[in-house]
Protein backbone atom coordinates (compact mmCIF):
# COMPACT_ATOMS: atom_id res chain seq x y z
CA MET A 1 4.42 21.49 6.12
CA GLN A 2 3.69 20.86 9.34
CA LEU A 3 3.22 16.98 11.07
CA ASP A 4 1.60 15.77 13.90
CA LYS A 5 2.13 12.35 15.50
CA LEU A 6 -0.58 10.02 17.57
CA GLN A 7 -1.17 6.84 18.90
CA TYR A 8 -4.46 5.31 20.16
CA GLY A 9 -4.79 3.49 23.49
CA ALA A 10 -6.63 2.54 26.33
CA ASP A 11 -6.80 6.48 27.08
CA GLY A 12 -7.41 8.20 24.23
CA TRP A 13 -4.98 9.50 21.56
CA SER A 14 -1.75 10.08 23.04
CA MET A 15 0.97 12.85 21.50
CA ILE A 16 4.02 11.69 20.41
CA ARG A 17 5.28 15.08 18.35
CA GLN A 18 3.59 17.68 17.64
CA ALA A 19 4.14 20.69 15.34
CA ILE A 20 1.27 22.27 14.27
CA GLY A 21 0.34 25.54 15.83
CA ASN A 22 -3.22 25.92 15.65
CA PRO A 23 -4.88 22.75 15.15
CA ASP A 24 -7.53 23.93 13.74
CA ASN A 25 -5.16 24.72 10.05
CA ALA A 26 -4.67 20.38 10.01
CA SER A 27 -5.59 19.42 6.26
CA LEU A 28 -5.55 15.36 6.78
CA ILE A 29 -5.03 12.95 9.24
CA LEU A 30 -4.45 9.59 8.51
CA VAL A 31 -5.35 6.77 11.08
CA PHE A 32 -3.70 3.02 10.79
CA GLY A 33 -5.17 0.94 13.22
CA ASP A 34 -6.26 -3.14 14.38
CA SER A 35 -9.55 -4.13 12.42
CA ASP A 36 -10.84 -4.97 15.89
CA LEU A 37 -11.16 -1.14 17.26
CA SER A 38 -11.85 -1.09 21.18
CA ASN A 39 -13.57 2.00 20.59
CA PRO A 40 -13.85 3.38 16.86
CA ARG A 41 -16.69 6.10 18.12
CA ARG A 42 -14.39 7.19 21.13
CA LEU A 43 -11.18 7.12 18.36
CA LEU A 44 -12.90 8.86 15.02
CA ASP A 45 -14.65 11.82 18.18
CA GLU A 46 -11.06 12.62 19.96
CA LEU A 47 -9.72 13.51 16.48
CA HIS A 48 -12.69 15.25 14.64
CA GLN A 49 -12.36 17.58 18.68
CA ARG A 50 -8.40 17.83 18.06
CA TYR A 51 -8.59 18.57 14.44
CA PRO A 52 -12.18 19.83 13.74
CA ASN A 53 -11.47 21.00 10.11
CA ALA A 54 -9.04 18.39 8.82
CA TRP A 55 -10.47 15.12 6.45
CA ILE A 56 -9.72 12.35 8.45
CA ALA A 57 -8.85 8.81 6.59
CA GLY A 58 -7.23 5.46 7.03
CA ALA A 59 -7.34 1.36 6.66
CA SER A 60 -6.84 -1.17 8.65
CA THR A 61 -4.28 -2.92 8.89
CA CYS A 62 -1.44 -6.06 9.20
CA GLY A 63 1.21 -3.47 11.62
CA ASN A 64 0.38 -0.02 12.36
CA ILE A 65 3.80 1.76 10.59
CA LEU A 66 5.21 4.98 13.21
CA GLY A 67 8.31 6.43 12.21
CA ASP A 68 11.02 3.39 11.90
CA GLU A 69 9.03 0.94 13.52
CA ILE A 70 5.94 -1.25 13.65
CA ASN A 71 3.82 0.72 16.22
CA ARG A 72 2.49 -1.72 19.09
CA HIS A 73 -0.68 0.52 19.54
CA GLU A 74 -3.95 0.36 18.89
CA ALA A 75 -4.14 2.69 16.04
CA VAL A 76 -1.42 5.28 14.62
CA ALA A 77 -2.19 8.92 13.50
CA THR A 78 -0.91 11.47 11.77
CA ALA A 79 -1.97 14.61 11.01
CA ILE A 80 -0.33 16.84 8.16
CA GLN A 81 -0.69 21.20 7.82
CA LEU A 82 -0.32 22.20 4.28
CA GLN A 83 1.25 25.17 3.68
CA GLN A 84 -0.35 25.86 0.90
CA GLY A 85 -1.83 22.86 -1.22
CA SER A 86 -5.27 21.36 -0.05
CA VAL A 87 -6.72 18.56 0.52
CA HIS A 88 -10.04 16.72 -0.62
CA CYS A 89 -11.82 13.52 0.66
CA THR A 90 -14.58 11.01 -1.66
CA SER A 91 -15.77 7.62 -0.49
CA LEU A 92 -17.95 5.31 -2.17
CA PRO A 93 -19.51 1.69 -1.12
CA PHE A 94 -19.23 -1.71 -2.86
CA VAL A 95 -21.14 -4.01 -2.74
CA ALA A 96 -21.04 -7.53 -4.74
CA GLY A 97 -21.65 -7.88 -7.81
CA ASP A 98 -20.41 -4.16 -8.04
CA ASN A 99 -17.85 -3.47 -11.51
CA ILE A 100 -15.15 -2.08 -9.21
CA GLU A 101 -13.13 -0.76 -12.70
CA ARG A 102 -16.09 1.64 -13.01
CA LEU A 103 -16.55 2.38 -9.63
CA ALA A 104 -12.66 3.23 -9.28
CA GLN A 105 -13.35 5.89 -12.72
CA ARG A 106 -16.46 7.40 -10.42
CA LEU A 107 -14.68 8.15 -7.48
CA HIS A 108 -12.16 9.92 -9.26
CA ASP A 109 -14.82 11.45 -11.33
CA GLN A 110 -15.88 13.48 -7.59
CA LEU A 111 -12.71 14.53 -6.84
CA PRO A 112 -12.23 18.13 -7.79
CA THR A 113 -9.44 17.90 -10.78
CA PRO A 114 -7.86 21.46 -11.24
CA HIS A 115 -4.89 21.50 -9.13
CA LEU A 116 -4.98 17.90 -8.65
CA LYS A 117 -1.49 16.55 -8.44
CA HIS A 118 -1.91 12.86 -6.89
CA VAL A 119 -4.77 10.76 -5.26
CA LEU A 120 -4.55 8.18 -2.30
CA VAL A 121 -6.65 5.31 -2.38
CA PHE A 122 -7.47 3.24 0.69
CA SER A 123 -9.86 0.46 -0.40
CA ASP A 124 -11.74 -2.62 1.91
CA GLY A 125 -9.01 -5.51 1.38
CA LEU A 126 -11.44 -8.77 1.29
CA GLN A 127 -14.20 -7.89 -0.97
CA VAL A 128 -13.02 -5.30 -3.41
CA ASN A 129 -10.73 -7.12 -6.39
CA GLY A 130 -7.40 -4.84 -6.17
CA SER A 131 -5.92 -5.85 -9.75
CA GLU A 132 -9.80 -4.75 -10.76
CA LEU A 133 -9.40 -1.71 -8.61
CA ALA A 134 -6.15 -0.63 -9.91
CA ARG A 135 -7.37 -1.24 -13.65
CA GLY A 136 -10.05 1.76 -12.92
CA PHE A 137 -7.66 4.31 -11.67
CA ASN A 138 -5.40 3.39 -14.14
CA HIS A 139 -8.34 5.03 -16.78
CA CYS A 140 -7.60 8.22 -14.86
CA PRO A 141 -5.03 11.13 -15.80
CA HIS A 142 -3.22 10.99 -12.39
CA PRO A 143 -0.80 8.83 -10.18
CA VAL A 144 -2.68 6.82 -7.89
CA THR A 145 -1.04 4.99 -5.00
CA GLY A 146 -1.91 3.33 -1.37
CA GLY A 147 -3.63 0.10 -0.49
CA LEU A 148 -6.22 -2.62 1.20
CA ALA A 149 -6.40 -2.41 3.87
CA GLY A 150 -5.42 -5.79 6.14
CA ASP A 151 -6.51 -7.96 9.25
CA SER A 152 -3.56 -8.95 10.13
CA THR A 153 -3.59 -13.30 9.23
CA ARG A 154 -7.06 -13.24 10.12
CA PHE A 155 -8.21 -12.81 6.57
CA GLU A 156 -12.28 -12.01 8.35
CA LYS A 157 -12.75 -8.18 8.34
CA THR A 158 -11.49 -5.31 6.98
CA TRP A 159 -12.13 -1.75 7.67
CA VAL A 160 -11.43 1.62 5.27
CA MET A 161 -11.93 5.20 7.23
CA ALA A 162 -13.80 7.87 5.64
CA ASN A 163 -14.68 10.91 7.69
CA ASP A 164 -16.58 9.01 9.26
CA MET A 165 -16.62 5.31 11.53
CA PRO A 166 -14.17 2.25 10.25
CA ALA A 167 -16.73 0.76 7.88
CA ALA A 168 -15.95 -2.58 5.81
CA GLY A 169 -17.28 -2.57 2.11
CA GLN A 170 -15.97 1.39 0.86
CA ILE A 171 -13.16 2.10 -1.64
CA VAL A 172 -12.00 5.84 -0.05
CA ALA A 173 -9.32 8.51 -2.79
CA ILE A 174 -8.04 11.51 -1.07
CA GLY A 175 -6.91 13.47 -3.39
CA LEU A 176 -3.52 16.15 -3.30
CA TYR A 177 -4.20 19.65 -4.38
CA GLY A 178 -1.64 22.66 -5.52
CA ASP A 179 1.31 23.47 -7.36
CA ASN A 180 3.52 23.63 -4.72
CA ILE A 181 2.61 19.70 -3.81
CA GLN A 182 5.40 17.22 -4.86
CA VAL A 183 4.93 13.72 -5.08
CA GLU A 184 7.48 10.75 -6.01
CA CYS A 185 6.20 7.02 -5.73
CA GLY A 186 8.53 3.81 -5.73
CA SER A 187 7.82 0.20 -5.48
CA TYR A 188 10.72 -2.31 -4.81
CA ALA A 189 9.69 -6.57 -4.33
CA GLY A 190 13.65 -7.54 -4.18
CA TRP A 191 12.23 -11.38 -4.78
CA SER A 192 14.93 -13.68 -6.93
CA ALA A 193 13.59 -16.42 -9.75
CA PHE A 194 14.18 -19.02 -9.97
CA GLY A 195 12.98 -21.83 -12.92
CA ALA A 196 12.45 -21.00 -16.73
CA ASN A 197 10.06 -18.65 -17.77
CA ARG A 198 6.59 -20.07 -18.04
CA ARG A 199 3.05 -18.94 -19.84
CA VAL A 200 -0.08 -19.11 -18.38
CA THR A 201 -1.95 -21.10 -20.50
CA ARG A 202 -5.02 -21.30 -18.51
CA SER A 203 -6.53 -18.96 -15.85
CA GLN A 204 -9.97 -16.92 -14.72
CA GLY A 205 -8.94 -13.87 -12.85
CA ASN A 206 -7.25 -15.22 -9.82
CA CYS A 207 -6.87 -19.09 -10.50
CA LEU A 208 -3.96 -20.44 -12.51
CA TYR A 209 -4.91 -23.04 -13.91
CA GLU A 210 -2.11 -24.29 -16.35
CA LEU A 211 1.74 -22.88 -16.95
CA ASP A 212 3.07 -24.23 -19.93
CA HIS A 213 -0.48 -26.48 -20.75
CA GLU A 214 0.74 -27.98 -17.24
CA PRO A 215 -1.38 -28.25 -14.22
CA ALA A 216 -0.51 -25.54 -12.37
CA LEU A 217 -0.44 -27.24 -8.84
CA ALA A 218 1.89 -29.82 -9.41
CA LEU A 219 4.48 -28.06 -11.99
CA TYR A 220 4.81 -25.62 -8.33
CA LYS A 221 5.03 -28.70 -6.05
CA ARG A 222 8.09 -29.74 -8.54
CA TYR A 223 9.93 -26.59 -8.44
CA LEU A 224 9.38 -26.39 -4.11
CA GLY A 225 10.77 -29.56 -3.40
CA ASP A 226 10.46 -30.70 0.29
CA PHE A 227 7.99 -27.41 0.49
CA ALA A 228 5.18 -28.46 -1.62
CA ASN A 229 4.20 -30.68 1.48
CA GLU A 230 4.14 -27.80 3.49
CA LEU A 231 1.15 -25.73 0.63
CA PRO A 232 -0.27 -23.50 0.85
CA ASP A 233 1.32 -22.13 3.90
CA SER A 234 4.69 -22.35 2.82
CA GLY A 235 3.42 -20.78 -0.49
CA MET A 236 4.30 -17.50 0.78
CA ARG A 237 7.88 -17.94 1.04
CA PHE A 238 7.69 -18.99 -3.05
CA PRO A 239 5.56 -15.91 -4.76
CA LEU A 240 5.03 -15.30 -8.16
CA CYS A 241 6.57 -13.12 -10.94
CA ILE A 242 4.26 -11.44 -13.45
CA GLU A 243 7.05 -10.65 -16.76
CA THR A 244 5.86 -7.17 -17.85
CA GLY A 245 8.72 -6.43 -20.69
CA LEU A 246 9.46 -3.40 -19.89
CA GLU A 247 12.84 -3.28 -17.77
CA GLU A 248 11.41 -2.04 -14.56
CA GLU A 249 10.61 -5.16 -11.66
CA GLY A 250 7.63 -7.59 -12.71
CA ILE A 251 4.50 -7.54 -10.38
CA ILE A 252 4.27 -10.34 -7.55
CA ARG A 253 1.53 -12.53 -6.73
CA THR A 254 1.35 -14.25 -3.69
CA LEU A 255 -0.02 -17.82 -3.21
CA LEU A 256 -3.19 -18.11 -1.29
CA GLY A 257 -4.22 -21.22 -1.44
CA ILE A 258 -4.36 -24.55 -3.84
CA ASN A 259 -7.25 -26.65 -5.07
CA GLU A 260 -5.94 -30.71 -5.22
CA ALA A 261 -8.68 -31.53 -7.08
CA GLU A 262 -8.34 -29.09 -10.38
CA GLN A 263 -4.83 -28.71 -9.34
CA SER A 264 -5.24 -25.19 -9.33
CA ILE A 265 -3.57 -22.31 -7.57
CA THR A 266 -5.31 -19.31 -5.84
CA PHE A 267 -3.12 -16.24 -6.06
CA ALA A 268 -3.65 -12.54 -4.35
CA GLY A 269 -4.25 -10.84 -7.30
CA ASP A 270 -5.19 -11.90 -11.19
CA ILE A 271 -2.77 -13.57 -12.73
CA PRO A 272 -3.87 -12.83 -17.04
CA GLU A 273 -3.76 -15.89 -19.64
CA GLY A 274 -1.77 -15.20 -21.72
CA CYS A 275 1.28 -13.63 -19.69
CA THR A 276 4.62 -15.45 -18.65
CA VAL A 277 5.57 -15.83 -15.53
CA ARG A 278 8.81 -16.91 -12.64
CA LEU A 279 8.35 -18.43 -9.68
CA MET A 280 10.50 -16.14 -7.08
CA HIS A 281 12.17 -17.28 -3.69
CA PRO A 282 13.23 -15.04 -0.68
CA ASN A 283 16.63 -13.27 -1.25
CA PHE A 284 16.54 -11.51 2.30
CA ASN A 285 19.70 -9.36 1.56
CA ARG A 286 18.27 -8.52 -1.71
CA LEU A 287 14.90 -8.06 0.02
CA ILE A 288 16.30 -5.76 2.12
CA GLU A 289 18.92 -3.73 0.56
CA GLY A 290 17.10 -2.84 -2.74
CA VAL A 291 15.13 -0.70 -0.84
CA ALA A 292 17.35 1.76 -0.55
CA ASN A 293 18.24 2.56 -4.00
CA THR A 294 14.80 2.96 -4.56
CA VAL A 295 14.22 5.37 -2.26
CA GLN A 296 17.47 7.49 -2.88
CA GLY A 297 15.87 7.25 -6.91
CA MET A 298 12.77 9.01 -5.92
CA ALA A 299 15.06 11.79 -4.30
CA ASN A 300 16.90 12.04 -7.55
CA HIS A 301 14.10 11.96 -9.68
CA ASN A 302 13.65 15.82 -9.73
CA PRO A 303 17.30 16.92 -8.54
CA GLU A 304 16.71 20.27 -9.60
CA GLN A 305 14.34 19.97 -6.19
CA GLN A 306 15.24 19.61 -2.62
CA LEU A 307 12.84 17.25 -0.72
CA GLY A 308 12.68 18.99 1.94
CA THR A 309 10.27 18.77 5.30
CA GLY A 310 7.48 15.87 4.03
CA LEU A 311 5.83 12.68 5.00
CA ALA A 312 6.50 9.30 3.51
CA LEU A 313 3.70 6.87 3.35
CA VAL A 314 5.15 3.29 3.82
CA VAL A 315 2.08 0.77 2.45
CA SER A 316 4.22 -2.57 2.62
CA CYS A 317 2.65 -6.25 2.22
CA GLY A 318 1.42 -7.95 5.09
CA GLY A 319 2.47 -11.66 3.65
CA ARG A 320 6.40 -9.10 3.43
CA ARG A 321 6.45 -8.80 6.81
CA SER A 322 6.00 -12.57 7.37
CA VAL A 323 8.82 -13.60 5.55
CA LEU A 324 11.03 -10.71 7.14
CA GLY A 325 10.70 -11.66 10.46
CA VAL A 326 12.85 -10.12 12.59
CA GLN A 327 14.06 -8.30 9.63
CA THR A 328 11.05 -6.45 8.97
CA ASP A 329 12.85 -3.22 10.92
CA GLU A 330 15.46 -3.51 9.47
CA GLU A 331 14.03 -2.82 6.38
CA LEU A 332 12.18 0.11 7.71
CA GLY A 333 15.44 1.27 9.33
CA ILE A 334 17.20 1.35 5.66
CA ILE A 335 13.81 3.43 4.20
CA ARG A 336 14.48 5.70 7.30
CA ASP A 337 18.16 6.65 6.45
CA HIS A 338 17.87 7.52 2.44
CA LEU A 339 15.08 9.74 3.39
CA PRO A 340 16.13 13.34 4.62
CA ALA A 341 16.30 13.76 7.78
CA ASP A 342 13.21 16.02 8.29
CA PHE A 343 10.94 13.61 6.75
CA TRP A 344 8.49 11.73 8.90
CA ILE A 345 6.79 8.22 7.65
CA THR A 346 3.73 6.98 7.90
CA GLY A 347 1.91 3.69 6.72
CA PHE A 348 0.89 -0.21 6.98
CA TYR A 349 0.94 -3.74 6.27
CA SER A 350 -1.56 -4.42 3.82
CA TYR A 351 -3.23 -7.02 1.86
CA GLY A 352 -1.93 -5.40 -1.26
CA GLU A 353 -0.33 -2.60 -2.15
CA LEU A 354 -0.88 0.13 -5.38
CA GLY A 355 1.60 1.82 -7.18
CA PRO A 356 3.77 2.10 -9.77
CA LEU A 357 6.42 -0.81 -11.10
CA LYS A 358 9.05 0.70 -10.19
CA SER A 359 9.47 4.98 -10.43
CA THR A 360 7.17 7.51 -10.30
CA GLY A 361 5.66 7.94 -13.83
CA SER A 362 4.12 4.91 -14.46
CA HIS A 363 0.97 3.00 -13.95
CA CYS A 364 -0.93 2.13 -11.42
CA HIS A 365 -0.86 -2.08 -10.28
CA LEU A 366 -1.67 -3.62 -7.29
CA HIS A 367 1.14 -5.76 -5.68
CA ASN A 368 2.15 -8.10 -3.42
CA GLN A 369 4.95 -8.21 -0.93
CA THR A 370 6.24 -5.69 -1.83
CA VAL A 371 6.64 -2.11 -0.44
CA THR A 372 5.27 0.63 -2.05
CA VAL A 373 6.93 4.47 -0.29
CA THR A 374 5.27 7.75 -1.49
CA CYS A 375 7.20 10.88 -0.71
CA ILE A 376 4.85 13.74 -0.21
CA HIS A 377 6.15 17.50 0.05
CA GLU A 378 5.36 21.29 -0.98
CA HIS A 379 8.54 23.39 -2.42
CA GLY A 380 8.55 26.78 -2.85
CA ARG A 381 8.53 27.87 0.63
CA GLU A 382 10.40 27.47 3.64
CA ASP A 383 9.16 25.31 5.82
CA SER A 384 8.72 24.89 9.82
CA PRO A 385 10.27 21.87 10.84
CA ALA A 386 8.17 18.78 11.49
């Protein structure tokens, strides 16, 4: 695998580091950028001209990740040349009323299946129910990671790019092919629980009405104390954790809004009726340092194989970035420190992360306030340095 790294500004794309000898051989360009691009046509055309045979895919963000820091440019791109593997990209539009689970299955079915190793998914972050999207892909036999497009803190519009102009209302799937392709993925939240386990006795979709037959908002306020006066803004620091019954961490749900009249709470993902939940609060050391164990565990998942040259796709939550504040770069630095020296990091801050509960092998879930890392590399031959 060989990688080029670029950033986009007023003068167009500029190369940060170049390792692909012949741009015609690039397989895939991952693009992450602002929701309000100044000149999306120029952005796309320059990439097509530079890498004429590559698939181009990406999403809008709550922050662009390139290397071990948040890149302040309008957009970033990572060009990938696979030495032996291949890539196929497909997309589908979404309109109100579509069945998201069936749409996810249709999208997967559009990918050729022989030698398919892994699927990356980027979706509109405002119009698509990420919980339903994850459930749809879990009907398919291949592992899936990715995220929902972001719009900083505005929540007005998002875009997804699928070999064409950035557009809202789309879902893109990127198939990675080849017996030599190795993919490891892991997710980590790191929030600390407080209070007793509670049973969801009434909910609908992402709206929570009752916990243990008590109005959800009243109970939430009792736990939060003085922070309750700052709801819904303070809810970012007090997400809900859905227990899974497994050893892995539960699934985090971010509070989006409250309804005083109904005493209900809206979350950034479904809250299944009958499930067990706990309130969470931030432990900053645990939030950051636990990521190291997740990344290290990915490296040790197949100890007989060395990761070697490759790419780490990091999808983290825009809300997590807000909570961590100035410590956000520290978390990216820890990820960098626990990857092989010749791995490059790209990714984005999202409106929802798609990935396993904790490590490679489990089903795909929609996460909030979580960091998901997908490591991609090729084995079986020596790569040129990237």
